[in-house]
Amino acid sequence: MVKIRLSELSERPGQTLDDWLNLVPVNLTTKSDMGTLRVSIRYLHEIIMPAKEYSSLKEVIAPYLT
């Protein structure tokens, strides 16, 4: 298992975190070294409006869609 703190990602929205993270055993009784995992992740926060909010835009562009 790899744990990534959301607060660490949300402080830098849109930027890529490229790092080696320590693997943690799922069973906490395991004491052996699990190794590392290289990850490259990016946090994006996008606000999507409900479909009804786009109805007027849909009416404007509908004639141009084929």
PDB file of N, CA and C in Angstrom:
ATOM      1  N   MET A   1       0.855  -1.164   0.000  1.00  0.00           N
ATOM      2  CA  MET A   1       0.000   0.000   0.000  1.00  0.00           C
ATOM      3  C   MET A   1       0.902   1.229   0.000  1.00  0.00           C
ATOM      4  N   VAL A   2       0.458   2.278  -0.669  1.00  0.00           N
ATOM      5  CA  VAL A   2       1.140   3.572  -0.665  1.00  0.00           C
ATOM      6  C   VAL A   2       0.138   4.604  -0.182  1.00  0.00           C
ATOM      7  N   LYS A   3       0.553   5.422   0.746  1.00  0.00           N
ATOM      8  CA  LYS A   3      -0.316   6.489   1.237  1.00  0.00           C
ATOM      9  C   LYS A   3       0.200   7.828   0.718  1.00  0.00           C
ATOM     10  N   ILE A   4      -0.722   8.619   0.154  1.00  0.00           N
ATOM     11  CA  ILE A   4      -0.393   9.947  -0.353  1.00  0.00           C
ATOM     12  C   ILE A   4      -1.341  10.932   0.306  1.00  0.00           C
ATOM     13  N   ARG A   5      -0.786  11.927   0.935  1.00  0.00           N
ATOM     14  CA  ARG A   5      -1.617  12.918   1.628  1.00  0.00           C
ATOM     15  C   ARG A   5      -2.240  13.872   0.616  1.00  0.00           C
ATOM     16  N   LEU A   6      -3.563  13.952   0.624  1.00  0.00           N
ATOM     17  CA  LEU A   6      -4.282  14.828  -0.289  1.00  0.00           C
ATOM     18  C   LEU A   6      -3.878  16.275  -0.079  1.00  0.00           C
ATOM     19  N   SER A   7      -3.607  16.672   1.162  1.00  0.00           N
ATOM     20  CA  SER A   7      -3.215  18.058   1.431  1.00  0.00           C
ATOM     21  C   SER A   7      -1.922  18.410   0.702  1.00  0.00           C
ATOM     22  N   GLU A   8      -1.023  17.441   0.562  1.00  0.00           N
ATOM     23  CA  GLU A   8       0.230  17.679  -0.149  1.00  0.00           C
ATOM     24  C   GLU A   8      -0.022  17.936  -1.635  1.00  0.00           C
ATOM     25  N   LEU A   9      -0.988  17.240  -2.205  1.00  0.00           N
ATOM     26  CA  LEU A   9      -1.313  17.417  -3.619  1.00  0.00           C
ATOM     27  C   LEU A   9      -2.125  18.679  -3.863  1.00  0.00           C
ATOM     28  N   SER A  10      -3.077  18.967  -2.981  1.00  0.00           N
ATOM     29  CA  SER A  10      -3.970  20.103  -3.206  1.00  0.00           C
ATOM     30  C   SER A  10      -3.274  21.444  -2.994  1.00  0.00           C
ATOM     31  N   GLU A  11      -2.109  21.449  -2.367  1.00  0.00           N
ATOM     32  CA  GLU A  11      -1.351  22.688  -2.209  1.00  0.00           C
ATOM     33  C   GLU A  11      -0.759  23.140  -3.536  1.00  0.00           C
ATOM     34  N   ARG A  12      -0.607  22.198  -4.485  1.00  0.00           N
ATOM     35  CA  ARG A  12       0.001  22.487  -5.778  1.00  0.00           C
ATOM     36  C   ARG A  12      -0.892  21.987  -6.905  1.00  0.00           C
ATOM     37  N   PRO A  13      -2.102  22.527  -7.050  1.00  0.00           N
ATOM     38  CA  PRO A  13      -3.006  22.007  -8.082  1.00  0.00           C
ATOM     39  C   PRO A  13      -2.422  22.190  -9.479  1.00  0.00           C
ATOM     40  N   GLY A  14      -2.559  21.151 -10.281  1.00  0.00           N
ATOM     41  CA  GLY A  14      -2.079  21.194 -11.653  1.00  0.00           C
ATOM     42  C   GLY A  14      -0.614  20.844 -11.814  1.00  0.00           C
ATOM     43  N   GLN A  15       0.141  20.848 -10.731  1.00  0.00           N
ATOM     44  CA  GLN A  15       1.557  20.497 -10.802  1.00  0.00           C
ATOM     45  C   GLN A  15       1.728  19.001 -10.564  1.00  0.00           C
ATOM     46  N   THR A  16       2.706  18.433 -11.218  1.00  0.00           N
ATOM     47  CA  THR A  16       2.946  17.004 -11.099  1.00  0.00           C
ATOM     48  C   THR A  16       3.857  16.703  -9.921  1.00  0.00           C
ATOM     49  N   LEU A  17       3.461  15.720  -9.131  1.00  0.00           N
ATOM     50  CA  LEU A  17       4.309  15.208  -8.063  1.00  0.00           C
ATOM     51  C   LEU A  17       4.984  13.961  -8.616  1.00  0.00           C
ATOM     52  N   ASP A  18       6.288  14.003  -8.738  1.00  0.00           N
ATOM     53  CA  ASP A  18       7.065  12.888  -9.247  1.00  0.00           C
ATOM     54  C   ASP A  18       8.032  12.490  -8.142  1.00  0.00           C
ATOM     55  N   ASP A  19       7.761  11.363  -7.486  1.00  0.00           N
ATOM     56  CA  ASP A  19       8.527  11.028  -6.296  1.00  0.00           C
ATOM     57  C   ASP A  19       8.547   9.518  -6.072  1.00  0.00           C
ATOM     58  N   TRP A  20       9.501   9.080  -5.271  1.00  0.00           N
ATOM     59  CA  TRP A  20       9.569   7.698  -4.804  1.00  0.00           C
ATOM     60  C   TRP A  20       8.871   7.626  -3.464  1.00  0.00           C
ATOM     61  N   LEU A  21       7.902   6.736  -3.313  1.00  0.00           N
ATOM     62  CA  LEU A  21       7.157   6.599  -2.062  1.00  0.00           C
ATOM     63  C   LEU A  21       7.392   5.209  -1.484  1.00  0.00           C
ATOM     64  N   ASN A  22       7.478   5.151  -0.167  1.00  0.00           N
ATOM     65  CA  ASN A  22       7.691   3.876   0.514  1.00  0.00           C
ATOM     66  C   ASN A  22       6.422   3.039   0.497  1.00  0.00           C
ATOM     67  N   LEU A  23       6.588   1.763   0.178  1.00  0.00           N
ATOM     68  CA  LEU A  23       5.472   0.825   0.251  1.00  0.00           C
ATOM     69  C   LEU A  23       5.279   0.413   1.701  1.00  0.00           C
ATOM     70  N   VAL A  24       4.031   0.376   2.127  1.00  0.00           N
ATOM     71  CA  VAL A  24       3.674   0.009   3.497  1.00  0.00           C
ATOM     72  C   VAL A  24       2.859  -1.277   3.426  1.00  0.00           C
ATOM     73  N   PRO A  25       3.185  -2.280   4.235  1.00  0.00           N
ATOM     74  CA  PRO A  25       2.408  -3.522   4.186  1.00  0.00           C
ATOM     75  C   PRO A  25       0.967  -3.298   4.652  1.00  0.00           C
ATOM     76  N   VAL A  26       0.037  -3.950   3.989  1.00  0.00           N
ATOM     77  CA  VAL A  26      -1.373  -3.856   4.375  1.00  0.00           C
ATOM     78  C   VAL A  26      -1.576  -4.511   5.738  1.00  0.00           C
ATOM     79  N   ASN A  27      -0.904  -5.627   5.952  1.00  0.00           N
ATOM     80  CA  ASN A  27      -0.961  -6.328   7.231  1.00  0.00           C
ATOM     81  C   ASN A  27       0.127  -5.733   8.124  1.00  0.00           C
ATOM     82  N   LEU A  28      -0.262  -4.997   9.148  1.00  0.00           N
ATOM     83  CA  LEU A  28       0.701  -4.278   9.975  1.00  0.00           C
ATOM     84  C   LEU A  28       1.614  -5.196  10.791  1.00  0.00           C
ATOM     85  N   THR A  29       1.331  -6.495  10.829  1.00  0.00           N
ATOM     86  CA  THR A  29       2.216  -7.411  11.549  1.00  0.00           C
ATOM     87  C   THR A  29       3.460  -7.746  10.727  1.00  0.00           C
ATOM     88  N   THR A  30       3.428  -7.432   9.430  1.00  0.00           N
ATOM     89  CA  THR A  30       4.595  -7.657   8.570  1.00  0.00           C
ATOM     90  C   THR A  30       5.619  -6.579   8.862  1.00  0.00           C
ATOM     91  N   LYS A  31       6.827  -6.984   9.203  1.00  0.00           N
ATOM     92  CA  LYS A  31       7.862  -6.028   9.581  1.00  0.00           C
ATOM     93  C   LYS A  31       8.938  -5.872   8.505  1.00  0.00           C
ATOM     94  N   SER A  32       8.839  -6.602   7.394  1.00  0.00           N
ATOM     95  CA  SER A  32       9.891  -6.550   6.380  1.00  0.00           C
ATOM     96  C   SER A  32       9.796  -5.269   5.544  1.00  0.00           C
ATOM     97  N   ASP A  33      10.931  -4.910   4.961  1.00  0.00           N
ATOM     98  CA  ASP A  33      10.985  -3.745   4.079  1.00  0.00           C
ATOM     99  C   ASP A  33      10.274  -4.094   2.771  1.00  0.00           C
ATOM    100  N   MET A  34       9.308  -3.302   2.391  1.00  0.00           N
ATOM    101  CA  MET A  34       8.514  -3.584   1.200  1.00  0.00           C
ATOM    102  C   MET A  34       9.087  -2.927  -0.052  1.00  0.00           C
ATOM    103  N   GLY A  35       9.982  -1.973   0.108  1.00  0.00           N
ATOM    104  CA  GLY A  35      10.568  -1.292  -1.044  1.00  0.00           C
ATOM    105  C   GLY A  35       9.897   0.038  -1.303  1.00  0.00           C
ATOM    106  N   THR A  36      10.110   0.563  -2.512  1.00  0.00           N
ATOM    107  CA  THR A  36       9.553   1.861  -2.889  1.00  0.00           C
ATOM    108  C   THR A  36       8.834   1.743  -4.220  1.00  0.00           C
ATOM    109  N   LEU A  37       8.004   2.727  -4.509  1.00  0.00           N
ATOM    110  CA  LEU A  37       7.252   2.790  -5.757  1.00  0.00           C
ATOM    111  C   LEU A  37       7.370   4.197  -6.301  1.00  0.00           C
ATOM    112  N   ARG A  38       7.759   4.324  -7.545  1.00  0.00           N
ATOM    113  CA  ARG A  38       7.849   5.655  -8.146  1.00  0.00           C
ATOM    114  C   ARG A  38       6.481   6.030  -8.705  1.00  0.00           C
ATOM    115  N   VAL A  39       5.999   7.210  -8.335  1.00  0.00           N
ATOM    116  CA  VAL A  39       4.698   7.684  -8.806  1.00  0.00           C
ATOM    117  C   VAL A  39       4.845   9.062  -9.438  1.00  0.00           C
ATOM    118  N   SER A  40       4.004   9.305 -10.390  1.00  0.00           N
ATOM    119  CA  SER A  40       3.895  10.609 -11.022  1.00  0.00           C
ATOM    120  C   SER A  40       2.406  10.918 -11.087  1.00  0.00           C
ATOM    121  N   ILE A  41       1.964  11.822 -10.241  1.00  0.00           N
ATOM    122  CA  ILE A  41       0.532  12.132 -10.158  1.00  0.00           C
ATOM    123  C   ILE A  41       0.303  13.636 -10.188  1.00  0.00           C
ATOM    124  N   ARG A  42      -0.895  14.010 -10.630  1.00  0.00           N
ATOM    125  CA  ARG A  42      -1.274  15.413 -10.668  1.00  0.00           C
ATOM    126  C   ARG A  42      -2.698  15.537 -10.144  1.00  0.00           C
ATOM    127  N   TYR A  43      -2.916  16.509  -9.287  1.00  0.00           N
ATOM    128  CA  TYR A  43      -4.231  16.754  -8.691  1.00  0.00           C
ATOM    129  C   TYR A  43      -4.895  17.889  -9.452  1.00  0.00           C
ATOM    130  N   LEU A  44      -6.104  17.635  -9.939  1.00  0.00           N
ATOM    131  CA  LEU A  44      -6.896  18.667 -10.609  1.00  0.00           C
ATOM    132  C   LEU A  44      -8.238  18.797  -9.906  1.00  0.00           C
ATOM    133  N   HIS A  45      -8.656  20.015  -9.691  1.00  0.00           N
ATOM    134  CA  HIS A  45      -9.957  20.262  -9.086  1.00  0.00           C
ATOM    135  C   HIS A  45     -10.801  20.990 -10.124  1.00  0.00           C
ATOM    136  N   GLU A  46     -11.779  20.295 -10.665  1.00  0.00           N
ATOM    137  CA  GLU A  46     -12.638  20.868 -11.691  1.00  0.00           C
ATOM    138  C   GLU A  46     -14.069  20.910 -11.185  1.00  0.00           C
ATOM    139  N   ILE A  47     -14.709  22.040 -11.398  1.00  0.00           N
ATOM    140  CA  ILE A  47     -16.107  22.198 -11.001  1.00  0.00           C
ATOM    141  C   ILE A  47     -16.964  22.013 -12.242  1.00  0.00           C
ATOM    142  N   ILE A  48     -17.812  21.022 -12.212  1.00  0.00           N
ATOM    143  CA  ILE A  48     -18.709  20.722 -13.318  1.00  0.00           C
ATOM    144  C   ILE A  48     -20.117  21.114 -12.883  1.00  0.00           C
ATOM    145  N   MET A  49     -20.764  21.907 -13.726  1.00  0.00           N
ATOM    146  CA  MET A  49     -22.115  22.347 -13.390  1.00  0.00           C
ATOM    147  C   MET A  49     -23.128  21.284 -13.824  1.00  0.00           C
ATOM    148  N   PRO A  50     -24.303  21.304 -13.251  1.00  0.00           N
ATOM    149  CA  PRO A  50     -25.352  20.371 -13.673  1.00  0.00           C
ATOM    150  C   PRO A  50     -25.712  20.584 -15.148  1.00  0.00           C
ATOM    151  N   ALA A  51     -26.185  19.539 -15.808  1.00  0.00           N
ATOM    152  CA  ALA A  51     -26.492  19.583 -17.240  1.00  0.00           C
ATOM    153  C   ALA A  51     -27.465  20.708 -17.595  1.00  0.00           C
ATOM    154  N   LYS A  52     -28.418  21.008 -16.728  1.00  0.00           N
ATOM    155  CA  LYS A  52     -29.407  22.057 -17.047  1.00  0.00           C
ATOM    156  C   LYS A  52     -28.760  23.432 -17.206  1.00  0.00           C
ATOM    157  N   GLU A  53     -27.597  23.635 -16.604  1.00  0.00           N
ATOM    158  CA  GLU A  53     -26.896  24.918 -16.727  1.00  0.00           C
ATOM    159  C   GLU A  53     -26.350  25.138 -18.135  1.00  0.00           C
ATOM    160  N   TYR A  54     -26.222  24.082 -18.906  1.00  0.00           N
ATOM    161  CA  TYR A  54     -25.673  24.171 -20.249  1.00  0.00           C
ATOM    162  C   TYR A  54     -26.748  24.232 -21.329  1.00  0.00           C
ATOM    163  N   SER A  55     -28.017  24.266 -20.955  1.00  0.00           N
ATOM    164  CA  SER A  55     -29.096  24.207 -21.953  1.00  0.00           C
ATOM    165  C   SER A  55     -29.063  25.391 -22.917  1.00  0.00           C
ATOM    166  N   SER A  56     -28.801  26.601 -22.449  1.00  0.00           N
ATOM    167  CA  SER A  56     -28.766  27.751 -23.363  1.00  0.00           C
ATOM    168  C   SER A  56     -27.571  27.657 -24.313  1.00  0.00           C
ATOM    169  N   LEU A  57     -26.439  27.180 -23.836  1.00  0.00           N
ATOM    170  CA  LEU A  57     -25.280  26.990 -24.706  1.00  0.00           C
ATOM    171  C   LEU A  57     -25.569  25.922 -25.749  1.00  0.00           C
ATOM    172  N   LYS A  58     -26.246  24.865 -25.326  1.00  0.00           N
ATOM    173  CA  LYS A  58     -26.598  23.777 -26.235  1.00  0.00           C
ATOM    174  C   LYS A  58     -27.490  24.284 -27.368  1.00  0.00           C
ATOM    175  N   GLU A  59     -28.428  25.168 -27.062  1.00  0.00           N
ATOM    176  CA  GLU A  59     -29.321  25.730 -28.080  1.00  0.00           C
ATOM    177  C   GLU A  59     -28.547  26.571 -29.088  1.00  0.00           C
ATOM    178  N   VAL A  60     -27.529  27.276 -28.637  1.00  0.00           N
ATOM    179  CA  VAL A  60     -26.745  28.139 -29.525  1.00  0.00           C
ATOM    180  C   VAL A  60     -25.878  27.317 -30.471  1.00  0.00           C
ATOM    181  N   ILE A  61     -25.246  26.266 -29.950  1.00  0.00           N
ATOM    182  CA  ILE A  61     -24.301  25.530 -30.817  1.00  0.00           C
ATOM    183  C   ILE A  61     -24.929  24.353 -31.546  1.00  0.00           C
ATOM    184  N   ALA A  62     -26.133  23.946 -31.168  1.00  0.00           N
ATOM    185  CA  ALA A  62     -26.780  22.777 -31.782  1.00  0.00           C
ATOM    186  C   ALA A  62     -26.894  22.891 -33.309  1.00  0.00           C
ATOM    187  N   PRO A  63     -27.251  24.039 -33.868  1.00  0.00           N
ATOM    188  CA  PRO A  63     -27.383  24.118 -35.322  1.00  0.00           C
ATOM    189  C   PRO A  63     -26.052  23.858 -36.045  1.00  0.00           C
ATOM    190  N   TYR A  64     -24.941  24.053 -35.402  1.00  0.00           N
ATOM    191  CA  TYR A  64     -23.643  23.890 -36.047  1.00  0.00           C
ATOM    192  C   TYR A  64     -23.068  22.485 -35.898  1.00  0.00           C
ATOM    193  N   LEU A  65     -23.719  21.658 -35.101  1.00  0.00           N
ATOM    194  CA  LEU A  65     -23.258  20.283 -34.918  1.00  0.00           C
ATOM    195  C   LEU A  65     -23.887  19.389 -35.978  1.00  0.00           C
ATOM    196  N   THR A  66     -23.102  18.537 -36.554  1.00  0.00           N
ATOM    197  CA  THR A  66     -23.644  17.636 -37.584  1.00  0.00           C
ATOM    198  C   THR A  66     -23.507  16.207 -37.168  1.00  0.00           C
TER     199      THR A  66
END
